[in-house]
């Protein structure tokens, strides 16, 4: 993306969440956040002794797991809106959507 107009990033990512000027440069920021939870099944085997004899049983249950994915993608552009640099800050769950959109041709 370096050397291309900011319009290329906007065409692929949509309008940025914020735009600001710092030291004569423009900084465009896109944010992505996704959180939630999901339930997964669990299986355990239990052994119970009755009159000294083992009785084996399988116990099925569930466990809830939560996630919180985040990403901040910044593009630094010249006063003429030419991309000079960019940076990522986040995890794969949050940044993957940006990476996929940037890899698309067109």
Protein backbone atom coordinates (compact mmCIF):
# COMPACT_ATOMS: atom_id res chain seq x y z
CA UNK A 1 0.00 0.00 0.00
CA UNK A 2 2.93 2.35 0.48
CA UNK A 3 3.08 4.96 -2.25
CA UNK A 4 -0.61 4.59 -3.16
CA UNK A 5 -3.34 7.16 -2.52
CA UNK A 6 -5.39 6.82 0.67
CA UNK A 7 -8.42 6.20 -1.56
CA UNK A 8 -7.03 2.69 -2.19
CA UNK A 9 -7.20 1.85 1.52
CA UNK A 10 -10.67 3.39 1.82
CA UNK A 11 -11.90 1.39 -1.19
CA UNK A 12 -10.75 -1.85 0.48
CA UNK A 13 -11.52 -1.12 4.15
CA UNK A 14 -14.38 1.37 4.00
CA UNK A 15 -14.33 4.77 5.65
CA UNK A 16 -11.97 5.01 8.63
CA UNK A 17 -13.26 5.30 12.18
CA UNK A 18 -11.12 8.37 12.73
CA UNK A 19 -8.84 10.79 10.92
CA UNK A 20 -6.44 13.26 12.52
CA UNK A 21 -3.47 15.41 11.64
CA UNK A 22 -0.21 14.95 13.53
CA UNK A 23 3.03 16.75 12.64
CA UNK A 24 1.83 17.56 9.14
CA UNK A 25 0.81 13.96 8.42
CA UNK A 26 -2.68 12.49 8.32
CA UNK A 27 -3.40 9.42 10.42
CA UNK A 28 -6.39 7.29 9.43
CA UNK A 29 -7.56 4.64 11.90
CA UNK A 30 -9.81 1.62 11.45
CA UNK A 31 -10.95 -0.39 14.49
CA UNK A 32 -12.40 -3.86 14.72
CA UNK A 33 -13.73 -5.52 17.86
CA UNK A 34 -15.63 -8.77 18.23
CA UNK A 35 -16.49 -10.44 21.50
CA UNK A 36 -18.85 -13.12 22.61
CA UNK A 37 -19.04 -16.61 23.98
CA UNK A 38 -19.74 -20.12 22.80
CA UNK A 39 -20.49 -23.44 24.45
CA UNK A 40 -18.47 -26.58 23.82
CA UNK A 41 -19.32 -30.09 24.94
CA UNK A 42 -17.22 -31.84 27.59
CA UNK A 43 -16.89 -35.56 28.24
CA UNK A 44 -15.59 -37.19 31.39
CA UNK A 45 -15.38 -40.77 32.57
CA UNK A 46 -16.24 -41.55 36.16
CA UNK A 47 -15.59 -44.70 38.17
CA UNK A 48 -17.86 -45.51 41.06
CA UNK A 49 -17.38 -48.49 43.36
CA UNK A 50 -20.45 -50.39 44.56
CA UNK A 51 -19.78 -53.30 46.90
CA UNK A 52 -16.16 -53.20 45.79
CA UNK A 53 -17.04 -53.53 42.11
CA UNK A 54 -16.15 -50.68 39.72
CA UNK A 55 -18.95 -49.16 37.70
CA UNK A 56 -17.82 -46.99 34.81
CA UNK A 57 -19.94 -44.18 33.50
CA UNK A 58 -19.51 -41.39 30.99
CA UNK A 59 -20.64 -37.94 31.95
CA UNK A 60 -21.46 -35.38 29.29
CA UNK A 61 -21.57 -31.69 30.11
CA UNK A 62 -20.69 -28.35 28.62
CA UNK A 63 -18.32 -25.48 29.16
CA UNK A 64 -18.72 -21.87 28.07
CA UNK A 65 -15.72 -20.09 26.61
CA UNK A 66 -15.58 -16.38 25.87
CA UNK A 67 -13.46 -14.42 23.40
CA UNK A 68 -12.56 -10.78 22.82
CA UNK A 69 -10.84 -10.04 19.50
CA UNK A 70 -9.55 -6.54 18.74
CA UNK A 71 -7.53 -4.73 16.11
CA UNK A 72 -6.49 -1.18 15.34
CA UNK A 73 -5.10 -0.49 11.86
CA UNK A 74 -3.46 2.90 11.25
CA UNK A 75 -2.39 4.39 7.94
CA UNK A 76 -0.05 7.39 7.90
CA UNK A 77 -0.36 9.56 4.80
CA UNK A 78 1.43 12.61 3.45
CA UNK A 79 -0.39 15.96 3.22
CA UNK A 80 -1.18 14.93 -0.38
CA UNK A 81 -2.91 11.76 0.90
CA UNK A 82 -0.24 9.34 -0.31
CA UNK A 83 0.29 6.37 2.04
CA UNK A 84 3.72 6.53 3.67
CA UNK A 85 3.36 3.83 6.32
CA UNK A 86 0.89 1.66 8.21
CA UNK A 87 0.79 -0.34 11.44
CA UNK A 88 -1.32 -3.02 13.11
CA UNK A 89 -2.07 -3.49 16.79
CA UNK A 90 -4.21 -6.41 17.88
CA UNK A 91 -4.71 -10.14 17.61
CA UNK A 92 -5.39 -12.48 14.70
CA UNK A 93 -9.11 -12.66 15.48
CA UNK A 94 -9.45 -8.90 15.22
CA UNK A 95 -6.96 -8.17 12.42
CA UNK A 96 -7.82 -11.05 10.10
CA UNK A 97 -10.78 -9.20 8.58
CA UNK A 98 -8.57 -6.24 7.62
CA UNK A 99 -5.86 -8.52 6.20
CA UNK A 100 -8.38 -10.41 4.05
CA UNK A 101 -9.85 -7.19 2.63
CA UNK A 102 -6.40 -5.76 1.87
CA UNK A 103 -5.35 -8.91 -0.01
CA UNK A 104 -8.30 -8.73 -2.40
CA UNK A 105 -7.49 -7.49 -5.87
CA UNK A 106 -9.27 -4.47 -7.25
